Amino acid sequence: MKNTNKIIILHLSVILGAFLPLPFGSFIVPYIFWSINKKYEGKEFEIQARNLLNFQLLFNTIIILCLIVFWYQNILDIVRGGVMNFSKLKYFALFIILINMFYPIFVSLSIKLSGKLFKYYPKTIHIL
């Protein structure tokens, strides 16, 4: 496969996007990389990019909705005279780190070591 390195870079671009101070950064950076390279790469690159982007879009949307609910509940607790409860937030942050940091590294290593491409992300709603 001639474009395995580009596919690995595509998967690792999720990590770069996660460090951006933007919502949906882990979607935006791979999307830009895909849109620049989609004319020059083959069908395997296209399939991997679409699976990754669909998953990241859905995952980031769910994260934003969960954070809205978390802050809404904490604001209600403060209004009622309570204090903010950050105990659930640390588990939520750990989950986000696992998905946006370690999973792209796992996928990239799997591609590099096996030399094969699989469908690494679960079926999601296909937008792209």
N, C-alpha and C. Protein backbone atom coordinates (compact mmCIF):
# COMPACT_ATOMS: atom_id res chain seq x y z
N MET A 1 0.84 -1.19 0.00
CA MET A 1 0.00 0.00 0.00
C MET A 1 0.88 1.24 0.00
N LYS A 2 0.66 2.07 -0.99
CA LYS A 2 1.52 3.23 -1.13
C LYS A 2 1.17 4.34 -0.15
N ASN A 3 -0.06 4.41 0.29
CA ASN A 3 -0.49 5.55 1.11
C ASN A 3 -0.66 5.21 2.59
N THR A 4 0.00 4.18 3.06
CA THR A 4 -0.12 3.80 4.46
C THR A 4 0.38 4.91 5.38
N ASN A 5 1.45 5.58 4.99
CA ASN A 5 1.97 6.66 5.82
C ASN A 5 0.99 7.82 5.92
N LYS A 6 0.31 8.13 4.84
CA LYS A 6 -0.69 9.21 4.88
C LYS A 6 -1.87 8.81 5.77
N ILE A 7 -2.24 7.55 5.76
CA ILE A 7 -3.33 7.08 6.61
C ILE A 7 -2.92 7.15 8.08
N ILE A 8 -1.68 6.81 8.37
CA ILE A 8 -1.18 6.91 9.75
C ILE A 8 -1.18 8.36 10.20
N ILE A 9 -0.72 9.27 9.34
CA ILE A 9 -0.73 10.70 9.67
C ILE A 9 -2.16 11.18 9.89
N LEU A 10 -3.09 10.69 9.07
CA LEU A 10 -4.50 11.05 9.24
C LEU A 10 -5.00 10.66 10.63
N HIS A 11 -4.71 9.44 11.05
CA HIS A 11 -5.15 9.00 12.37
C HIS A 11 -4.48 9.78 13.49
N LEU A 12 -3.20 10.09 13.34
CA LEU A 12 -2.48 10.85 14.37
C LEU A 12 -2.88 12.32 14.40
N SER A 13 -3.48 12.81 13.32
CA SER A 13 -3.92 14.21 13.30
C SER A 13 -5.04 14.46 14.31
N VAL A 14 -5.72 13.41 14.74
CA VAL A 14 -6.73 13.54 15.78
C VAL A 14 -6.10 14.07 17.07
N ILE A 15 -4.90 13.58 17.38
CA ILE A 15 -4.20 14.01 18.59
C ILE A 15 -3.86 15.50 18.50
N LEU A 16 -3.35 15.92 17.34
CA LEU A 16 -3.04 17.33 17.15
C LEU A 16 -4.30 18.18 17.31
N GLY A 17 -5.39 17.74 16.74
CA GLY A 17 -6.65 18.47 16.85
C GLY A 17 -7.19 18.52 18.27
N ALA A 18 -6.91 17.49 19.05
CA ALA A 18 -7.38 17.47 20.44
C ALA A 18 -6.69 18.53 21.28
N PHE A 19 -5.47 18.91 20.90
CA PHE A 19 -4.75 19.92 21.65
C PHE A 19 -5.13 21.35 21.25
N LEU A 20 -5.85 21.50 20.17
CA LEU A 20 -6.27 22.84 19.78
C LEU A 20 -7.34 23.34 20.73
N PRO A 21 -7.31 24.62 21.06
CA PRO A 21 -8.34 25.16 21.96
C PRO A 21 -9.64 25.47 21.22
N LEU A 22 -10.09 24.53 20.42
CA LEU A 22 -11.31 24.69 19.65
C LEU A 22 -12.25 23.52 19.91
N PRO A 23 -13.54 23.78 19.96
CA PRO A 23 -14.46 22.64 19.96
C PRO A 23 -14.35 21.93 18.61
N PHE A 24 -14.45 20.66 18.61
CA PHE A 24 -14.36 19.85 17.40
C PHE A 24 -12.98 19.90 16.75
N GLY A 25 -11.94 20.21 17.52
CA GLY A 25 -10.58 20.25 16.99
C GLY A 25 -10.11 18.90 16.48
N SER A 26 -10.51 17.84 17.17
CA SER A 26 -10.11 16.50 16.75
C SER A 26 -10.88 16.03 15.51
N PHE A 27 -11.84 16.83 15.07
CA PHE A 27 -12.51 16.60 13.80
C PHE A 27 -11.96 17.53 12.72
N ILE A 28 -11.69 18.77 13.09
CA ILE A 28 -11.29 19.78 12.11
C ILE A 28 -9.93 19.47 11.49
N VAL A 29 -8.94 19.12 12.29
CA VAL A 29 -7.60 18.86 11.76
C VAL A 29 -7.59 17.66 10.81
N PRO A 30 -8.18 16.50 11.17
CA PRO A 30 -8.23 15.41 10.19
C PRO A 30 -9.04 15.77 8.94
N TYR A 31 -10.07 16.59 9.10
CA TYR A 31 -10.87 16.99 7.94
C TYR A 31 -10.04 17.83 6.98
N ILE A 32 -9.25 18.75 7.51
CA ILE A 32 -8.38 19.57 6.66
C ILE A 32 -7.35 18.69 5.96
N PHE A 33 -6.75 17.77 6.71
CA PHE A 33 -5.76 16.86 6.12
C PHE A 33 -6.40 16.01 5.03
N TRP A 34 -7.59 15.51 5.26
CA TRP A 34 -8.31 14.71 4.27
C TRP A 34 -8.64 15.53 3.04
N SER A 35 -9.15 16.74 3.24
CA SER A 35 -9.55 17.55 2.09
C SER A 35 -8.35 17.96 1.23
N ILE A 36 -7.19 18.11 1.83
CA ILE A 36 -5.99 18.44 1.06
C ILE A 36 -5.51 17.23 0.26
N ASN A 37 -5.59 16.05 0.84
CA ASN A 37 -5.00 14.85 0.23
C ASN A 37 -5.97 13.94 -0.51
N LYS A 38 -7.26 14.20 -0.48
CA LYS A 38 -8.21 13.23 -1.05
C LYS A 38 -8.09 13.09 -2.56
N LYS A 39 -7.62 14.11 -3.24
CA LYS A 39 -7.46 14.01 -4.70
C LYS A 39 -6.28 13.14 -5.10
N TYR A 40 -5.29 13.04 -4.22
CA TYR A 40 -4.05 12.37 -4.57
C TYR A 40 -3.93 10.96 -4.01
N GLU A 41 -4.78 10.61 -3.09
CA GLU A 41 -4.70 9.30 -2.45
C GLU A 41 -5.80 8.38 -2.97
N GLY A 42 -5.68 7.10 -2.65
CA GLY A 42 -6.58 6.10 -3.18
C GLY A 42 -7.84 5.89 -2.36
N LYS A 43 -8.53 4.81 -2.70
CA LYS A 43 -9.80 4.47 -2.07
C LYS A 43 -9.62 4.10 -0.60
N GLU A 44 -8.51 3.45 -0.26
CA GLU A 44 -8.27 3.07 1.15
C GLU A 44 -8.20 4.31 2.04
N PHE A 45 -7.51 5.34 1.54
CA PHE A 45 -7.39 6.59 2.29
C PHE A 45 -8.76 7.22 2.47
N GLU A 46 -9.56 7.20 1.44
CA GLU A 46 -10.91 7.78 1.48
C GLU A 46 -11.78 7.05 2.50
N ILE A 47 -11.74 5.74 2.50
CA ILE A 47 -12.55 4.95 3.44
C ILE A 47 -12.12 5.20 4.88
N GLN A 48 -10.81 5.17 5.12
CA GLN A 48 -10.30 5.41 6.48
C GLN A 48 -10.66 6.82 6.95
N ALA A 49 -10.52 7.80 6.06
CA ALA A 49 -10.83 9.18 6.42
C ALA A 49 -12.31 9.36 6.75
N ARG A 50 -13.17 8.80 5.95
CA ARG A 50 -14.61 8.94 6.20
C ARG A 50 -15.02 8.26 7.50
N ASN A 51 -14.48 7.07 7.77
CA ASN A 51 -14.80 6.39 9.03
C ASN A 51 -14.32 7.19 10.22
N LEU A 52 -13.10 7.69 10.15
CA LEU A 52 -12.54 8.48 11.24
C LEU A 52 -13.34 9.76 11.44
N LEU A 53 -13.65 10.46 10.37
CA LEU A 53 -14.36 11.74 10.48
C LEU A 53 -15.78 11.56 10.99
N ASN A 54 -16.47 10.54 10.51
CA ASN A 54 -17.83 10.28 11.02
C ASN A 54 -17.81 9.97 12.51
N PHE A 55 -16.85 9.15 12.93
CA PHE A 55 -16.75 8.83 14.35
C PHE A 55 -16.41 10.07 15.17
N GLN A 56 -15.43 10.85 14.74
CA GLN A 56 -15.02 12.03 15.50
C GLN A 56 -16.13 13.07 15.58
N LEU A 57 -16.88 13.23 14.51
CA LEU A 57 -17.99 14.18 14.53
C LEU A 57 -19.04 13.76 15.54
N LEU A 58 -19.42 12.49 15.52
CA LEU A 58 -20.41 11.99 16.48
C LEU A 58 -19.86 12.04 17.91
N PHE A 59 -18.62 11.62 18.10
CA PHE A 59 -18.01 11.61 19.43
C PHE A 59 -17.92 13.02 20.01
N ASN A 60 -17.47 13.98 19.21
CA ASN A 60 -17.34 15.35 19.69
C ASN A 60 -18.70 15.98 19.98
N THR A 61 -19.71 15.64 19.21
CA THR A 61 -21.06 16.15 19.47
C THR A 61 -21.58 15.60 20.80
N ILE A 62 -21.36 14.33 21.05
CA ILE A 62 -21.79 13.72 22.31
C ILE A 62 -21.05 14.35 23.48
N ILE A 63 -19.75 14.59 23.32
CA ILE A 63 -18.96 15.23 24.39
C ILE A 63 -19.52 16.61 24.71
N ILE A 64 -19.78 17.41 23.70
CA ILE A 64 -20.30 18.76 23.92
C ILE A 64 -21.65 18.70 24.63
N LEU A 65 -22.52 17.80 24.22
CA LEU A 65 -23.83 17.67 24.87
C LEU A 65 -23.69 17.23 26.33
N CYS A 66 -22.77 16.30 26.59
CA CYS A 66 -22.55 15.86 27.98
C CYS A 66 -21.99 17.00 28.84
N LEU A 67 -21.10 17.79 28.28
CA LEU A 67 -20.56 18.92 29.03
C LEU A 67 -21.63 19.97 29.32
N ILE A 68 -22.53 20.18 28.38
CA ILE A 68 -23.63 21.12 28.62
C ILE A 68 -24.50 20.62 29.78
N VAL A 69 -24.82 19.34 29.79
CA VAL A 69 -25.63 18.77 30.87
C VAL A 69 -24.88 18.86 32.20
N PHE A 70 -23.57 18.56 32.19
CA PHE A 70 -22.77 18.64 33.40
C PHE A 70 -22.79 20.05 33.99
N TRP A 71 -22.53 21.05 33.16
CA TRP A 71 -22.50 22.43 33.66
C TRP A 71 -23.89 22.90 34.08
N TYR A 72 -24.92 22.48 33.36
CA TYR A 72 -26.29 22.85 33.73
C TYR A 72 -26.63 22.30 35.12
N GLN A 73 -26.28 21.04 35.37
CA GLN A 73 -26.57 20.45 36.68
C GLN A 73 -25.76 21.12 37.78
N ASN A 74 -24.52 21.47 37.51
CA ASN A 74 -23.71 22.15 38.52
C ASN A 74 -24.21 23.56 38.81
N ILE A 75 -24.68 24.25 37.80
CA ILE A 75 -25.25 25.58 38.01
C ILE A 75 -26.52 25.48 38.85
N LEU A 76 -27.35 24.49 38.58
CA LEU A 76 -28.54 24.28 39.40
C LEU A 76 -28.18 23.97 40.85
N ASP A 77 -27.14 23.18 41.07
CA ASP A 77 -26.69 22.87 42.44
C ASP A 77 -26.23 24.13 43.16
N ILE A 78 -25.52 25.00 42.46
CA ILE A 78 -25.04 26.24 43.07
C ILE A 78 -26.21 27.15 43.42
N VAL A 79 -27.18 27.23 42.53
CA VAL A 79 -28.36 28.07 42.78
C VAL A 79 -29.13 27.57 44.00
N ARG A 80 -29.15 26.25 44.18
CA ARG A 80 -29.86 25.67 45.32
C ARG A 80 -29.06 25.73 46.61
N GLY A 81 -27.87 26.31 46.57
CA GLY A 81 -27.05 26.45 47.76
C GLY A 81 -25.99 25.39 47.93
N GLY A 82 -25.81 24.55 46.96
CA GLY A 82 -24.79 23.51 47.05
C GLY A 82 -23.45 23.98 46.51
N VAL A 83 -22.58 23.04 46.30
CA VAL A 83 -21.26 23.34 45.74
C VAL A 83 -21.09 22.54 44.44
N MET A 84 -20.11 22.97 43.66
CA MET A 84 -19.86 22.27 42.40
C MET A 84 -19.25 20.91 42.70
N ASN A 85 -19.66 19.91 41.94
CA ASN A 85 -19.18 18.55 42.11
C ASN A 85 -18.39 18.14 40.86
N PHE A 86 -17.08 18.04 41.02
CA PHE A 86 -16.23 17.69 39.90
C PHE A 86 -15.84 16.22 39.88
N SER A 87 -16.45 15.41 40.72
CA SER A 87 -16.04 14.00 40.82
C SER A 87 -16.29 13.23 39.52
N LYS A 88 -17.39 13.50 38.84
CA LYS A 88 -17.69 12.80 37.59
C LYS A 88 -16.85 13.32 36.44
N LEU A 89 -16.40 14.55 36.54
CA LEU A 89 -15.66 15.17 35.44
C LEU A 89 -14.31 14.50 35.22
N LYS A 90 -13.67 13.98 36.26
CA LYS A 90 -12.36 13.35 36.07
C LYS A 90 -12.49 12.05 35.28
N TYR A 91 -13.56 11.30 35.48
CA TYR A 91 -13.77 10.08 34.70
C TYR A 91 -14.12 10.41 33.25
N PHE A 92 -14.86 11.46 33.08
CA PHE A 92 -15.23 11.92 31.75
C PHE A 92 -13.97 12.37 30.99
N ALA A 93 -13.09 13.10 31.67
CA ALA A 93 -11.84 13.57 31.05
C ALA A 93 -10.95 12.38 30.69
N LEU A 94 -10.90 11.37 31.54
CA LEU A 94 -10.11 10.18 31.25
C LEU A 94 -10.64 9.46 30.01
N PHE A 95 -11.94 9.37 29.88
CA PHE A 95 -12.56 8.75 28.71
C PHE A 95 -12.21 9.52 27.44
N ILE A 96 -12.27 10.84 27.51
CA ILE A 96 -11.94 11.67 26.34
C ILE A 96 -10.47 11.48 25.95
N ILE A 97 -9.59 11.43 26.93
CA ILE A 97 -8.17 11.24 26.65
C ILE A 97 -7.92 9.88 26.01
N LEU A 98 -8.59 8.85 26.51
CA LEU A 98 -8.42 7.52 25.92
C LEU A 98 -8.84 7.49 24.46
N ILE A 99 -9.96 8.12 24.15
CA ILE A 99 -10.45 8.09 22.78
C ILE A 99 -9.63 8.99 21.87
N ASN A 100 -9.31 10.19 22.30
CA ASN A 100 -8.64 11.14 21.42
C ASN A 100 -7.12 11.06 21.43
N MET A 101 -6.52 10.40 22.38
CA MET A 101 -5.06 10.33 22.44
C MET A 101 -4.54 8.92 22.19
N PHE A 102 -5.02 7.97 22.97
CA PHE A 102 -4.45 6.64 22.90
C PHE A 102 -4.99 5.80 21.75
N TYR A 103 -6.26 5.96 21.41
CA TYR A 103 -6.80 5.14 20.33
C TYR A 103 -6.17 5.46 18.97
N PRO A 104 -5.95 6.73 18.61
CA PRO A 104 -5.23 6.98 17.34
C PRO A 104 -3.82 6.40 17.33
N ILE A 105 -3.14 6.40 18.47
CA ILE A 105 -1.81 5.79 18.53
C ILE A 105 -1.92 4.28 18.34
N PHE A 106 -2.92 3.66 18.98
CA PHE A 106 -3.14 2.22 18.81
C PHE A 106 -3.43 1.89 17.35
N VAL A 107 -4.28 2.66 16.69
CA VAL A 107 -4.62 2.41 15.29
C VAL A 107 -3.39 2.57 14.41
N SER A 108 -2.62 3.62 14.64
CA SER A 108 -1.42 3.87 13.83
C SER A 108 -0.40 2.75 13.99
N LEU A 109 -0.18 2.31 15.22
CA LEU A 109 0.74 1.20 15.45
C LEU A 109 0.24 -0.08 14.82
N SER A 110 -1.06 -0.31 14.89
CA SER A 110 -1.65 -1.50 14.29
C SER A 110 -1.44 -1.50 12.77
N ILE A 111 -1.64 -0.35 12.14
CA ILE A 111 -1.43 -0.26 10.69
C ILE A 111 0.04 -0.47 10.35
N LYS A 112 0.92 0.16 11.12
CA LYS A 112 2.36 0.08 10.85
C LYS A 112 2.88 -1.34 11.04
N LEU A 113 2.47 -2.00 12.11
CA LEU A 113 2.99 -3.34 12.41
C LEU A 113 2.38 -4.43 11.53
N SER A 114 1.08 -4.33 11.27
CA SER A 114 0.44 -5.38 10.47
C SER A 114 0.50 -5.10 8.97
N GLY A 115 0.58 -3.83 8.61
CA GLY A 115 0.58 -3.48 7.20
C GLY A 115 -0.78 -3.63 6.55
N LYS A 116 -1.81 -3.83 7.37
CA LYS A 116 -3.16 -4.02 6.85
C LYS A 116 -4.08 -2.94 7.38
N LEU A 117 -5.09 -2.65 6.60
CA LEU A 117 -6.10 -1.67 7.01
C LEU A 117 -7.39 -2.39 7.36
N PHE A 118 -7.92 -2.05 8.49
CA PHE A 118 -9.19 -2.59 8.95
C PHE A 118 -10.12 -1.43 9.20
N LYS A 119 -11.36 -1.74 9.49
CA LYS A 119 -12.28 -0.70 9.91
C LYS A 119 -12.10 -0.57 11.42
N TYR A 120 -11.38 0.46 11.83
CA TYR A 120 -10.98 0.62 13.23
C TYR A 120 -12.03 1.30 14.08
N TYR A 121 -12.96 1.99 13.48
CA TYR A 121 -13.95 2.73 14.23
C TYR A 121 -15.31 2.06 14.12
N PRO A 122 -16.13 2.12 15.16
CA PRO A 122 -17.44 1.45 15.10
C PRO A 122 -18.35 2.15 14.09
N LYS A 123 -19.38 1.42 13.69
CA LYS A 123 -20.34 2.02 12.77
C LYS A 123 -21.03 3.19 13.45
N THR A 124 -21.10 4.27 12.74
CA THR A 124 -21.77 5.47 13.24
C THR A 124 -22.70 5.98 12.16
N ILE A 125 -23.31 7.09 12.44
CA ILE A 125 -24.13 7.75 11.43
C ILE A 125 -23.21 8.31 10.37
N HIS A 126 -23.41 7.93 9.14
CA HIS A 126 -22.53 8.37 8.06
C HIS A 126 -22.99 9.72 7.53
N ILE A 127 -22.20 10.73 7.85
CA ILE A 127 -22.48 12.07 7.37
C ILE A 127 -21.59 12.38 6.18
N LEU A 128 -20.36 11.93 6.25
CA LEU A 128 -19.40 12.17 5.16
C LEU A 128 -19.26 10.94 4.30
